[in-house]
Amino acid sequence: MLTTAPLLDTNLPELTRHGRGKVRDIYQVGDDLLIVATDRISAFDYVLGSGIPDKGKVLTQLSAFWFERMGDLVPHHVIATDVAKMPAALHRYEDVLKGRAMLCRRTRPVPIECVARGYLSGSGWKEYQQSGRVCGITLPSGLRESDRLPEPIFTPATKAESGHDVNISEDEAASIAGRDLITRLKQLTLEIYRRGCEHAESKGIIIADTKFEFGLARRGTAGSSANVIGDDEIVLIDEVLTPDSSRFWPRDQYVAGQGQPSFDKQFVRDYLEEIRWNKQPPVPSLPDEVVRKTREKYVEAFRRLTGRDLV
């Protein structure tokens, strides 16, 4: 039986709330943003009635692990994850924030989801079955579900405020955000994915696909000129290579030609399909056993990838 209740909402009354996503609550702290990952879980575009205890801590601490590992490649937005190193006004909320909050510099988010795919799954598999392509990229014929691609591909998507993100071509992404920016984001996306996969596979995890978000900030005095577009610097933001933003498969159970067991919320999606939820309100709650097993998968992925225990 679980002894920790999930954190489904935050109440930081002395702070101004900047926004609320499916999982994260965002507050203004001076010129910066405090991003708090709750234990809410969404599926099929709806936040469910149950949370997954410690899920927000997994997302925050795993992202922090990856931000640090990718820091030489691209700047990131994290200022601090230790509450003691945040402004004094936040210290009173340490019980809520510890292990699940990031103080971040503000950026202007690029309105494109940067997706890398190394395996044929999810919406990519569905599109391939219909056209033999994924986001305008023609793939070899005869591929099966979950097959490894000859090489990873960049498949951008539009960011949706509600509902599904929509897969688009690289040319369409360039028409939205600019060719020079998309060219660099493609390079960064595939390199971050490559590095992540290399580390994850050494820990027994296949990262089938993942998505990244980037923002633009006023150019600093340091950093690689490769990440400067005009007067702006490209910054990696949001979350990185987590079970929410990626498909994590156990390598020792991988079998091409079928769906795969996973460390991500596919377990929750499978349950919702089993009960034949119509994917419309009212949203269901999850039974305790599904909550427990889902938490176990998130925490196991964190421990395998970082070699650490969850704070």
C-alpha atoms as a PDB file:
ATOM      1  CA  MET A   1       0.000   0.000   0.000  1.00  0.00           C
ATOM      2  CA  LEU A   2       1.200   3.507  -0.827  1.00  0.00           C
ATOM      3  CA  THR A   3       1.908   5.681   2.197  1.00  0.00           C
ATOM      4  CA  THR A   4       2.587   8.937   0.326  1.00  0.00           C
ATOM      5  CA  ALA A   5      -0.314  10.950  -1.034  1.00  0.00           C
ATOM      6  CA  PRO A   6       0.228  12.479  -4.480  1.00  0.00           C
ATOM      7  CA  LEU A   7       0.624  16.243  -4.772  1.00  0.00           C
ATOM      8  CA  LEU A   8      -2.131  17.279  -7.184  1.00  0.00           C
ATOM      9  CA  ASP A   9      -1.992  21.044  -6.744  1.00  0.00           C
ATOM     10  CA  THR A  10       0.265  23.667  -5.191  1.00  0.00           C
ATOM     11  CA  ASN A  11      -0.760  26.578  -3.011  1.00  0.00           C
ATOM     12  CA  LEU A  12       1.980  29.168  -2.657  1.00  0.00           C
ATOM     13  CA  PRO A  13      -0.144  32.172  -1.650  1.00  0.00           C
ATOM     14  CA  GLU A  14       2.581  34.801  -1.577  1.00  0.00           C
ATOM     15  CA  LEU A  15       3.661  34.045  -5.152  1.00  0.00           C
ATOM     16  CA  THR A  16       2.011  35.094  -8.394  1.00  0.00           C
ATOM     17  CA  ARG A  17       0.962  32.134 -10.486  1.00  0.00           C
ATOM     18  CA  HIS A  18       2.282  32.433 -14.036  1.00  0.00           C
ATOM     19  CA  GLY A  19       0.628  29.376 -15.518  1.00  0.00           C
ATOM     20  CA  ARG A  20      -0.684  25.868 -14.964  1.00  0.00           C
ATOM     21  CA  GLY A  21       0.034  22.970 -17.277  1.00  0.00           C
ATOM     22  CA  LYS A  22      -1.159  19.393 -17.202  1.00  0.00           C
ATOM     23  CA  VAL A  23       1.603  18.523 -14.745  1.00  0.00           C
ATOM     24  CA  ARG A  24       3.459  21.708 -13.794  1.00  0.00           C
ATOM     25  CA  ASP A  25       2.469  24.777 -11.793  1.00  0.00           C
ATOM     26  CA  ILE A  26       4.524  27.866 -12.663  1.00  0.00           C
ATOM     27  CA  TYR A  27       5.069  30.926 -10.474  1.00  0.00           C
ATOM     28  CA  GLN A  28       6.807  34.249 -10.998  1.00  0.00           C
ATOM     29  CA  VAL A  29       9.843  34.914  -8.813  1.00  0.00           C
ATOM     30  CA  GLY A  30      11.210  38.314  -9.752  1.00  0.00           C
ATOM     31  CA  ASP A  31      12.364  38.058 -13.354  1.00  0.00           C
ATOM     32  CA  ASP A  32      12.561  34.264 -13.110  1.00  0.00           C
ATOM     33  CA  LEU A  33      10.093  31.379 -13.005  1.00  0.00           C
ATOM     34  CA  LEU A  34       9.553  28.692 -10.389  1.00  0.00           C
ATOM     35  CA  ILE A  35       8.439  25.467 -12.064  1.00  0.00           C
ATOM     36  CA  VAL A  36       6.879  22.913  -9.724  1.00  0.00           C
ATOM     37  CA  ALA A  37       6.180  19.421 -11.052  1.00  0.00           C
ATOM     38  CA  THR A  38       3.097  17.976  -9.371  1.00  0.00           C
ATOM     39  CA  ASP A  39       2.067  14.328  -9.340  1.00  0.00           C
ATOM     40  CA  ARG A  40      -0.749  14.867 -11.810  1.00  0.00           C
ATOM     41  CA  ILE A  41      -0.824  12.470 -14.739  1.00  0.00           C
ATOM     42  CA  SER A  42      -2.485  12.978 -18.080  1.00  0.00           C
ATOM     43  CA  ALA A  43      -3.529  10.532 -20.763  1.00  0.00           C
ATOM     44  CA  PHE A  44      -5.354  11.057 -24.039  1.00  0.00           C
ATOM     45  CA  ASP A  45      -5.143  14.826 -23.439  1.00  0.00           C
ATOM     46  CA  TYR A  46      -6.924  14.809 -20.069  1.00  0.00           C
ATOM     47  CA  VAL A  47      -5.574  15.068 -16.530  1.00  0.00           C
ATOM     48  CA  LEU A  48      -6.819  12.004 -14.684  1.00  0.00           C
ATOM     49  CA  GLY A  49      -8.567  11.926 -11.336  1.00  0.00           C
ATOM     50  CA  SER A  50      -5.648  10.139  -9.659  1.00  0.00           C
ATOM     51  CA  GLY A  51      -2.055  11.216  -9.272  1.00  0.00           C
ATOM     52  CA  ILE A  52       1.107   9.117  -9.116  1.00  0.00           C
ATOM     53  CA  PRO A  53       3.000   9.728  -5.840  1.00  0.00           C
ATOM     54  CA  ASP A  54       6.528  11.094  -6.398  1.00  0.00           C
ATOM     55  CA  LYS A  55       6.031  11.400 -10.160  1.00  0.00           C
ATOM     56  CA  GLY A  56       6.831  15.111 -10.079  1.00  0.00           C
ATOM     57  CA  LYS A  57      10.025  14.426  -8.172  1.00  0.00           C
ATOM     58  CA  VAL A  58      11.086  11.891 -10.798  1.00  0.00           C
ATOM     59  CA  LEU A  59      10.454  14.373 -13.617  1.00  0.00           C
ATOM     60  CA  THR A  60      12.319  17.206 -11.881  1.00  0.00           C
ATOM     61  CA  GLN A  61      15.307  15.255 -10.637  1.00  0.00           C
ATOM     62  CA  LEU A  62      15.730  13.252 -13.835  1.00  0.00           C
ATOM     63  CA  SER A  63      15.544  16.424 -15.921  1.00  0.00           C
ATOM     64  CA  ALA A  64      18.158  18.043 -13.664  1.00  0.00           C
ATOM     65  CA  PHE A  65      20.411  15.013 -14.243  1.00  0.00           C
ATOM     66  CA  TRP A  66      20.126  15.395 -18.017  1.00  0.00           C
ATOM     67  CA  PHE A  67      20.411  19.202 -18.023  1.00  0.00           C
ATOM     68  CA  GLU A  68      23.766  18.814 -16.279  1.00  0.00           C
ATOM     69  CA  ARG A  69      24.968  16.157 -18.740  1.00  0.00           C
ATOM     70  CA  MET A  70      23.997  18.240 -21.784  1.00  0.00           C
ATOM     71  CA  GLY A  71      25.281  21.572 -20.489  1.00  0.00           C
ATOM     72  CA  ASP A  72      28.372  21.584 -22.703  1.00  0.00           C
ATOM     73  CA  LEU A  73      26.195  21.174 -25.786  1.00  0.00           C
ATOM     74  CA  VAL A  74      23.490  23.769 -25.176  1.00  0.00           C
ATOM     75  CA  PRO A  75      22.645  26.197 -22.334  1.00  0.00           C
ATOM     76  CA  HIS A  76      19.659  25.297 -20.164  1.00  0.00           C
ATOM     77  CA  HIS A  77      17.240  27.392 -18.147  1.00  0.00           C
ATOM     78  CA  VAL A  78      17.845  25.938 -14.680  1.00  0.00           C
ATOM     79  CA  ILE A  79      19.180  28.324 -12.039  1.00  0.00           C
ATOM     80  CA  ALA A  80      18.685  26.127  -8.949  1.00  0.00           C
ATOM     81  CA  THR A  81      16.970  22.945  -7.824  1.00  0.00           C
ATOM     82  CA  ASP A  82      18.059  23.166  -4.178  1.00  0.00           C
ATOM     83  CA  VAL A  83      15.475  25.221  -2.276  1.00  0.00           C
ATOM     84  CA  ALA A  84      18.222  26.487   0.040  1.00  0.00           C
ATOM     85  CA  LYS A  85      19.827  28.186  -2.980  1.00  0.00           C
ATOM     86  CA  MET A  86      16.589  29.835  -4.081  1.00  0.00           C
ATOM     87  CA  PRO A  87      15.386  33.271  -2.892  1.00  0.00           C
ATOM     88  CA  ALA A  88      14.524  33.434   0.806  1.00  0.00           C
ATOM     89  CA  ALA A  89      10.831  33.974   0.047  1.00  0.00           C
ATOM     90  CA  LEU A  90      10.662  30.359  -1.174  1.00  0.00           C
ATOM     91  CA  HIS A  91      12.265  28.732   1.863  1.00  0.00           C
ATOM     92  CA  ARG A  92       8.983  28.597   3.794  1.00  0.00           C
ATOM     93  CA  TYR A  93       7.591  26.321   1.081  1.00  0.00           C
ATOM     94  CA  GLU A  94      10.437  23.809   1.272  1.00  0.00           C
ATOM     95  CA  ASP A  95       8.156  20.920   2.270  1.00  0.00           C
ATOM     96  CA  VAL A  96       6.262  21.346  -0.997  1.00  0.00           C
ATOM     97  CA  LEU A  97       9.158  22.306  -3.250  1.00  0.00           C
ATOM     98  CA  LYS A  98      11.907  19.938  -2.141  1.00  0.00           C
ATOM     99  CA  GLY A  99      12.902  17.595  -4.939  1.00  0.00           C
ATOM    100  CA  ARG A 100      10.202  18.746  -7.342  1.00  0.00           C
ATOM    101  CA  ALA A 101      10.909  22.413  -8.140  1.00  0.00           C
ATOM    102  CA  MET A 102      13.280  24.265 -10.438  1.00  0.00           C
ATOM    103  CA  LEU A 103      14.033  27.978 -10.386  1.00  0.00           C
ATOM    104  CA  CYS A 104      14.532  28.855 -14.044  1.00  0.00           C
ATOM    105  CA  ARG A 105      15.399  31.865 -16.115  1.00  0.00           C
ATOM    106  CA  ARG A 106      12.615  33.075 -18.325  1.00  0.00           C
ATOM    107  CA  THR A 107      12.855  32.494 -22.079  1.00  0.00           C
ATOM    108  CA  ARG A 108      10.618  32.927 -25.106  1.00  0.00           C
ATOM    109  CA  PRO A 109       9.569  29.364 -25.930  1.00  0.00           C
ATOM    110  CA  VAL A 110       9.950  28.289 -29.551  1.00  0.00           C
ATOM    111  CA  PRO A 111       6.454  27.195 -30.701  1.00  0.00           C
ATOM    112  CA  ILE A 112       7.684  23.825 -31.956  1.00  0.00           C
ATOM    113  CA  GLU A 113       8.017  20.458 -30.225  1.00  0.00           C
ATOM    114  CA  CYS A 114      11.381  19.007 -31.285  1.00  0.00           C
ATOM    115  CA  VAL A 115      10.900  15.265 -31.563  1.00  0.00           C
ATOM    116  CA  ALA A 116      13.595  12.645 -32.167  1.00  0.00           C
ATOM    117  CA  ARG A 117      12.627   9.113 -33.155  1.00  0.00           C
ATOM    118  CA  GLY A 118      14.974   6.149 -33.208  1.00  0.00           C
ATOM    119  CA  TYR A 119      12.262   3.492 -33.362  1.00  0.00           C
ATOM    120  CA  LEU A 120       8.937   3.260 -35.167  1.00  0.00           C
ATOM    121  CA  SER A 121       6.189   3.610 -32.582  1.00  0.00           C
ATOM    122  CA  GLY A 122       3.201   5.708 -31.552  1.00  0.00           C
ATOM    123  CA  SER A 123       1.958   8.315 -34.023  1.00  0.00           C
ATOM    124  CA  GLY A 124       5.005   7.689 -36.211  1.00  0.00           C
ATOM    125  CA  TRP A 125       4.013   4.043 -36.652  1.00  0.00           C
ATOM    126  CA  LYS A 126       0.430   5.023 -37.486  1.00  0.00           C
ATOM    127  CA  GLU A 127       1.582   7.548 -40.077  1.00  0.00           C
ATOM    128  CA  TYR A 128       4.058   5.108 -41.593  1.00  0.00           C
ATOM    129  CA  GLN A 129       1.335   2.481 -42.040  1.00  0.00           C
ATOM    130  CA  GLN A 130      -0.729   4.976 -44.022  1.00  0.00           C
ATOM    131  CA  SER A 131       1.922   6.634 -46.159  1.00  0.00           C
ATOM    132  CA  GLY A 132       5.320   5.024 -45.675  1.00  0.00           C
ATOM    133  CA  ARG A 133       6.518   8.337 -44.277  1.00  0.00           C
ATOM    134  CA  VAL A 134       6.816  10.136 -40.953  1.00  0.00           C
ATOM    135  CA  CYS A 135       6.549  13.936 -40.952  1.00  0.00           C
ATOM    136  CA  GLY A 136       7.452  14.059 -44.644  1.00  0.00           C
ATOM    137  CA  ILE A 137      10.428  11.692 -44.270  1.00  0.00           C
ATOM    138  CA  THR A 138      10.203   8.608 -46.487  1.00  0.00           C
ATOM    139  CA  LEU A 139      11.288   5.469 -44.650  1.00  0.00           C
ATOM    140  CA  PRO A 140      12.274   2.048 -46.027  1.00  0.00           C
ATOM    141  CA  SER A 141       9.365  -0.221 -46.898  1.00  0.00           C
ATOM    142  CA  GLY A 142       8.529  -3.268 -44.823  1.00  0.00           C
ATOM    143  CA  LEU A 143       9.254  -1.812 -41.397  1.00  0.00           C
ATOM    144  CA  ARG A 144       7.359  -3.272 -38.453  1.00  0.00           C
ATOM    145  CA  GLU A 145       6.033  -1.693 -35.276  1.00  0.00           C
ATOM    146  CA  SER A 146       8.891  -0.923 -32.872  1.00  0.00           C
ATOM    147  CA  ASP A 147      11.579  -1.525 -35.525  1.00  0.00           C
ATOM    148  CA  ARG A 148      14.767   0.435 -35.051  1.00  0.00           C
ATOM    149  CA  LEU A 149      15.153   3.053 -37.768  1.00  0.00           C
ATOM    150  CA  PRO A 150      18.272   3.101 -39.955  1.00  0.00           C
ATOM    151  CA  GLU A 151      19.155   6.353 -38.187  1.00  0.00           C
ATOM    152  CA  PRO A 152      17.278   8.671 -35.825  1.00  0.00           C
ATOM    153  CA  ILE A 153      15.000  11.212 -37.487  1.00  0.00           C
ATOM    154  CA  PHE A 154      13.825  14.708 -36.536  1.00  0.00           C
ATOM    155  CA  THR A 155      10.033  14.946 -36.626  1.00  0.00           C
ATOM    156  CA  PRO A 156       8.770  18.302 -35.320  1.00  0.00           C
ATOM    157  CA  ALA A 157       5.261  18.966 -34.098  1.00  0.00           C
ATOM    158  CA  THR A 158       3.171  22.008 -33.306  1.00  0.00           C
ATOM    159  CA  LYS A 159       2.523  22.780 -29.653  1.00  0.00           C
ATOM    160  CA  ALA A 160      -1.153  22.461 -28.799  1.00  0.00           C
ATOM    161  CA  GLU A 161      -2.691  24.387 -25.907  1.00  0.00           C
ATOM    162  CA  SER A 162      -5.268  21.605 -25.731  1.00  0.00           C
ATOM    163  CA  GLY A 163      -5.707  18.356 -27.620  1.00  0.00           C
ATOM    164  CA  HIS A 164      -3.011  16.573 -29.590  1.00  0.00           C
ATOM    165  CA  ASP A 165       0.211  18.079 -30.888  1.00  0.00           C
ATOM    166  CA  VAL A 166       0.213  17.850 -34.691  1.00  0.00           C
ATOM    167  CA  ASN A 167       3.140  16.292 -36.548  1.00  0.00           C
ATOM    168  CA  ILE A 168       4.555  18.573 -39.246  1.00  0.00           C
ATOM    169  CA  SER A 169       7.429  18.483 -41.712  1.00  0.00           C
ATOM    170  CA  GLU A 170      10.769  20.193 -41.206  1.00  0.00           C
ATOM    171  CA  ASP A 171       9.819  22.696 -43.912  1.00  0.00           C
ATOM    172  CA  GLU A 172       6.573  23.511 -42.114  1.00  0.00           C
ATOM    173  CA  ALA A 173       8.496  23.990 -38.863  1.00  0.00           C
ATOM    174  CA  ALA A 174      10.891  26.332 -40.657  1.00  0.00           C
ATOM    175  CA  SER A 175       7.977  28.386 -41.951  1.00  0.00           C
ATOM    176  CA  ILE A 176       6.824  28.858 -38.348  1.00  0.00           C
ATOM    177  CA  ALA A 177      10.104  29.440 -36.526  1.00  0.00           C
ATOM    178  CA  GLY A 178      12.629  30.296 -39.244  1.00  0.00           C
ATOM    179  CA  ARG A 179      14.989  28.102 -41.262  1.00  0.00           C
ATOM    180  CA  ASP A 180      18.212  28.921 -39.399  1.00  0.00           C
ATOM    181  CA  LEU A 181      16.635  28.234 -36.024  1.00  0.00           C
ATOM    182  CA  ILE A 182      15.031  24.947 -37.076  1.00  0.00           C
ATOM    183  CA  THR A 183      18.273  23.767 -38.681  1.00  0.00           C
ATOM    184  CA  ARG A 184      20.119  24.267 -35.387  1.00  0.00           C
ATOM    185  CA  LEU A 185      17.290  22.807 -33.305  1.00  0.00           C
ATOM    186  CA  LYS A 186      17.362  19.698 -35.492  1.00  0.00           C
ATOM    187  CA  GLN A 187      21.093  19.319 -34.871  1.00  0.00           C
ATOM    188  CA  LEU A 188      20.669  19.796 -31.122  1.00  0.00           C
ATOM    189  CA  THR A 189      17.669  17.479 -30.917  1.00  0.00           C
ATOM    190  CA  LEU A 190      19.456  14.595 -32.621  1.00  0.00           C
ATOM    191  CA  GLU A 191      22.689  15.094 -30.659  1.00  0.00           C
ATOM    192  CA  ILE A 192      20.945  15.276 -27.267  1.00  0.00           C
ATOM    193  CA  TYR A 193      18.936  12.195 -28.211  1.00  0.00           C
ATOM    194  CA  ARG A 194      22.093  10.345 -29.322  1.00  0.00           C
ATOM    195  CA  ARG A 195      23.870  11.113 -26.063  1.00  0.00           C
ATOM    196  CA  GLY A 196      20.835  10.186 -24.033  1.00  0.00           C
ATOM    197  CA  CYS A 197      20.381   6.876 -25.856  1.00  0.00           C
ATOM    198  CA  GLU A 198      24.027   5.963 -25.411  1.00  0.00           C
ATOM    199  CA  HIS A 199      23.814   6.443 -21.650  1.00  0.00           C
ATOM    200  CA  ALA A 200      20.381   4.857 -21.294  1.00  0.00           C
ATOM    201  CA  GLU A 201      21.311   1.717 -23.237  1.00  0.00           C
ATOM    202  CA  SER A 202      24.273   1.217 -20.921  1.00  0.00           C
ATOM    203  CA  LYS A 203      21.679   1.144 -18.115  1.00  0.00           C
ATOM    204  CA  GLY A 204      19.351  -1.289 -19.882  1.00  0.00           C
ATOM    205  CA  ILE A 205      16.845   1.232 -21.258  1.00  0.00           C
ATOM    206  CA  ILE A 206      15.951   1.950 -24.880  1.00  0.00           C
ATOM    207  CA  ILE A 207      14.740   5.490 -25.544  1.00  0.00           C
ATOM    208  CA  ALA A 208      12.485   4.865 -28.527  1.00  0.00           C
ATOM    209  CA  ASP A 209      11.602   8.513 -29.038  1.00  0.00           C
ATOM    210  CA  THR A 210      11.503  11.760 -27.108  1.00  0.00           C
ATOM    211  CA  LYS A 211      10.603  15.410 -27.406  1.00  0.00           C
ATOM    212  CA  PHE A 212      12.466  18.531 -26.366  1.00  0.00           C
ATOM    213  CA  GLU A 213      11.493  22.147 -25.955  1.00  0.00           C
ATOM    214  CA  PHE A 214      13.733  25.125 -26.522  1.00  0.00           C
ATOM    215  CA  GLY A 215      13.477  28.806 -25.733  1.00  0.00           C
ATOM    216  CA  LEU A 216      15.261  31.955 -26.828  1.00  0.00           C
ATOM    217  CA  ALA A 217      16.944  34.335 -24.400  1.00  0.00           C
ATOM    218  CA  ARG A 218      19.035  37.452 -24.724  1.00  0.00           C
ATOM    219  CA  ARG A 219      22.509  36.459 -25.786  1.00  0.00           C
ATOM    220  CA  GLY A 220      24.978  35.978 -22.950  1.00  0.00           C
ATOM    221  CA  THR A 221      28.694  36.627 -22.999  1.00  0.00           C
ATOM    222  CA  ALA A 222      29.637  32.948 -22.844  1.00  0.00           C
ATOM    223  CA  GLY A 223      28.583  29.850 -24.713  1.00  0.00           C
ATOM    224  CA  SER A 224      28.953  28.485 -28.211  1.00  0.00           C
ATOM    225  CA  SER A 225      28.251  30.785 -31.141  1.00  0.00           C
ATOM    226  CA  ALA A 226      26.575  27.784 -32.779  1.00  0.00           C
ATOM    227  CA  ASN A 227      23.642  28.330 -30.414  1.00  0.00           C
ATOM    228  CA  VAL A 228      23.189  32.015 -31.268  1.00  0.00           C
ATOM    229  CA  ILE A 229      20.504  33.036 -33.729  1.00  0.00           C
ATOM    230  CA  GLY A 230      20.553  36.766 -34.373  1.00  0.00           C
ATOM    231  CA  ASP A 231      20.628  38.468 -30.984  1.00  0.00           C
ATOM    232  CA  ASP A 232      19.255  35.426 -29.161  1.00  0.00           C
ATOM    233  CA  GLU A 233      20.724  32.365 -27.542  1.00  0.00           C
ATOM    234  CA  ILE A 234      19.054  28.952 -27.802  1.00  0.00           C
ATOM    235  CA  VAL A 235      18.222  27.489 -24.386  1.00  0.00           C
ATOM    236  CA  LEU A 236      17.039  23.965 -23.529  1.00  0.00           C
ATOM    237  CA  ILE A 237      13.916  24.249 -21.348  1.00  0.00           C
ATOM    238  CA  ASP A 238      11.056  22.340 -19.716  1.00  0.00           C
ATOM    239  CA  GLU A 239      11.964  18.675 -19.154  1.00  0.00           C
ATOM    240  CA  VAL A 240      14.542  16.368 -20.704  1.00  0.00           C
ATOM    241  CA  LEU A 241      14.402  12.624 -21.374  1.00  0.00           C
ATOM    242  CA  THR A 242      11.790  11.760 -18.752  1.00  0.00           C
ATOM    243  CA  PRO A 243       9.118   9.035 -18.753  1.00  0.00           C
ATOM    244  CA  ASP A 244       6.564  11.754 -19.546  1.00  0.00           C
ATOM    245  CA  SER A 245       8.385  13.115 -22.596  1.00  0.00           C
ATOM    246  CA  SER A 246       9.863   9.856 -23.899  1.00  0.00           C
ATOM    247  CA  ARG A 247       9.174   6.196 -24.565  1.00  0.00           C
ATOM    248  CA  PHE A 248      11.424   4.139 -22.296  1.00  0.00           C
ATOM    249  CA  TRP A 249      11.588   0.412 -23.085  1.00  0.00           C
ATOM    250  CA  PRO A 250      13.454  -2.245 -21.073  1.00  0.00           C
ATOM    251  CA  ARG A 251      16.218  -3.385 -23.410  1.00  0.00           C
ATOM    252  CA  ASP A 252      16.172  -6.984 -22.239  1.00  0.00           C
ATOM    253  CA  GLN A 253      12.487  -7.337 -23.200  1.00  0.00           C
ATOM    254  CA  TYR A 254      12.664  -5.654 -26.601  1.00  0.00           C
ATOM    255  CA  VAL A 255      11.097  -7.635 -29.461  1.00  0.00           C
ATOM    256  CA  ALA A 256      10.545  -5.881 -32.790  1.00  0.00           C
ATOM    257  CA  GLY A 257       7.230  -6.266 -34.568  1.00  0.00           C
ATOM    258  CA  GLN A 258       4.948  -5.536 -31.621  1.00  0.00           C
ATOM    259  CA  GLY A 259       4.217  -3.053 -28.866  1.00  0.00           C
ATOM    260  CA  GLN A 260       6.752  -2.948 -26.028  1.00  0.00           C
ATOM    261  CA  PRO A 261       6.546  -2.965 -22.232  1.00  0.00           C
ATOM    262  CA  SER A 262       7.596   0.436 -20.971  1.00  0.00           C
ATOM    263  CA  PHE A 263       8.676   2.581 -18.045  1.00  0.00           C
ATOM    264  CA  ASP A 264       6.438   5.458 -19.097  1.00  0.00           C
ATOM    265  CA  LYS A 265       2.726   6.157 -18.762  1.00  0.00           C
ATOM    266  CA  GLN A 266       1.865   3.666 -21.492  1.00  0.00           C
ATOM    267  CA  PHE A 267       0.911   1.442 -18.556  1.00  0.00           C
ATOM    268  CA  VAL A 268      -1.825   3.935 -17.647  1.00  0.00           C
ATOM    269  CA  ARG A 269      -2.958   4.249 -21.270  1.00  0.00           C
ATOM    270  CA  ASP A 270      -3.261   0.472 -21.516  1.00  0.00           C
ATOM    271  CA  TYR A 271      -5.470   0.386 -18.435  1.00  0.00           C
ATOM    272  CA  LEU A 272      -7.717   3.121 -19.829  1.00  0.00           C
ATOM    273  CA  GLU A 273      -8.068   1.182 -23.073  1.00  0.00           C
ATOM    274  CA  GLU A 274      -8.959  -1.951 -21.108  1.00  0.00           C
ATOM    275  CA  ILE A 275     -11.836  -0.215 -19.334  1.00  0.00           C
ATOM    276  CA  ARG A 276     -12.994   1.270 -22.686  1.00  0.00           C
ATOM    277  CA  TRP A 277     -12.992   4.862 -21.475  1.00  0.00           C
ATOM    278  CA  ASN A 278     -14.408   7.036 -24.259  1.00  0.00           C
ATOM    279  CA  LYS A 279     -11.673   9.639 -23.733  1.00  0.00           C
ATOM    280  CA  GLN A 280     -14.187  12.303 -22.821  1.00  0.00           C
ATOM    281  CA  PRO A 281     -15.143  13.838 -19.454  1.00  0.00           C
ATOM    282  CA  PRO A 282     -15.739  12.748 -16.797  1.00  0.00           C
ATOM    283  CA  VAL A 283     -12.188  11.529 -16.406  1.00  0.00           C
ATOM    284  CA  PRO A 284     -11.629   8.254 -14.550  1.00  0.00           C
ATOM    285  CA  SER A 285      -9.525   7.674 -11.472  1.00  0.00           C
ATOM    286  CA  LEU A 286      -6.981   4.887 -11.370  1.00  0.00           C
ATOM    287  CA  PRO A 287      -7.195   1.883  -9.065  1.00  0.00           C
ATOM    288  CA  ASP A 288      -4.539   1.626  -6.364  1.00  0.00           C
ATOM    289  CA  GLU A 289      -2.760  -1.233  -8.134  1.00  0.00           C
ATOM    290  CA  VAL A 290      -2.318   0.788 -11.351  1.00  0.00           C
ATOM    291  CA  VAL A 291      -1.080   3.781  -9.339  1.00  0.00           C
ATOM    292  CA  ARG A 292       1.402   1.611  -7.439  1.00  0.00           C
ATOM    293  CA  LYS A 293       2.787  -0.119 -10.524  1.00  0.00           C
ATOM    294  CA  THR A 294       3.051   3.130 -12.448  1.00  0.00           C
ATOM    295  CA  ARG A 295       4.973   4.761  -9.606  1.00  0.00           C
ATOM    296  CA  GLU A 296       7.309   1.767  -9.505  1.00  0.00           C
ATOM    297  CA  LYS A 297       8.047   2.142 -13.211  1.00  0.00           C
ATOM    298  CA  TYR A 298       8.834   5.860 -12.935  1.00  0.00           C
ATOM    299  CA  VAL A 299      11.083   5.383  -9.906  1.00  0.00           C
ATOM    300  CA  GLU A 300      12.863   2.383 -11.449  1.00  0.00           C
ATOM    301  CA  ALA A 301      13.629   4.378 -14.598  1.00  0.00           C
ATOM    302  CA  PHE A 302      15.039   7.199 -12.463  1.00  0.00           C
ATOM    303  CA  ARG A 303      17.254   4.892 -10.420  1.00  0.00           C
ATOM    304  CA  ARG A 304      18.559   3.024 -13.448  1.00  0.00           C
ATOM    305  CA  LEU A 305      19.433   6.155 -15.393  1.00  0.00           C
ATOM    306  CA  THR A 306      20.934   8.223 -12.564  1.00  0.00           C
ATOM    307  CA  GLY A 307      22.271   5.601 -10.164  1.00  0.00           C
ATOM    308  CA  ARG A 308      20.685   7.668  -7.381  1.00  0.00           C
ATOM    309  CA  ASP A 309      17.828   7.375  -4.957  1.00  0.00           C
ATOM    310  CA  LEU A 310      14.986   9.835  -5.286  1.00  0.00           C
ATOM    311  CA  VAL A 311      15.224  12.836  -2.942  1.00  0.00           C
END
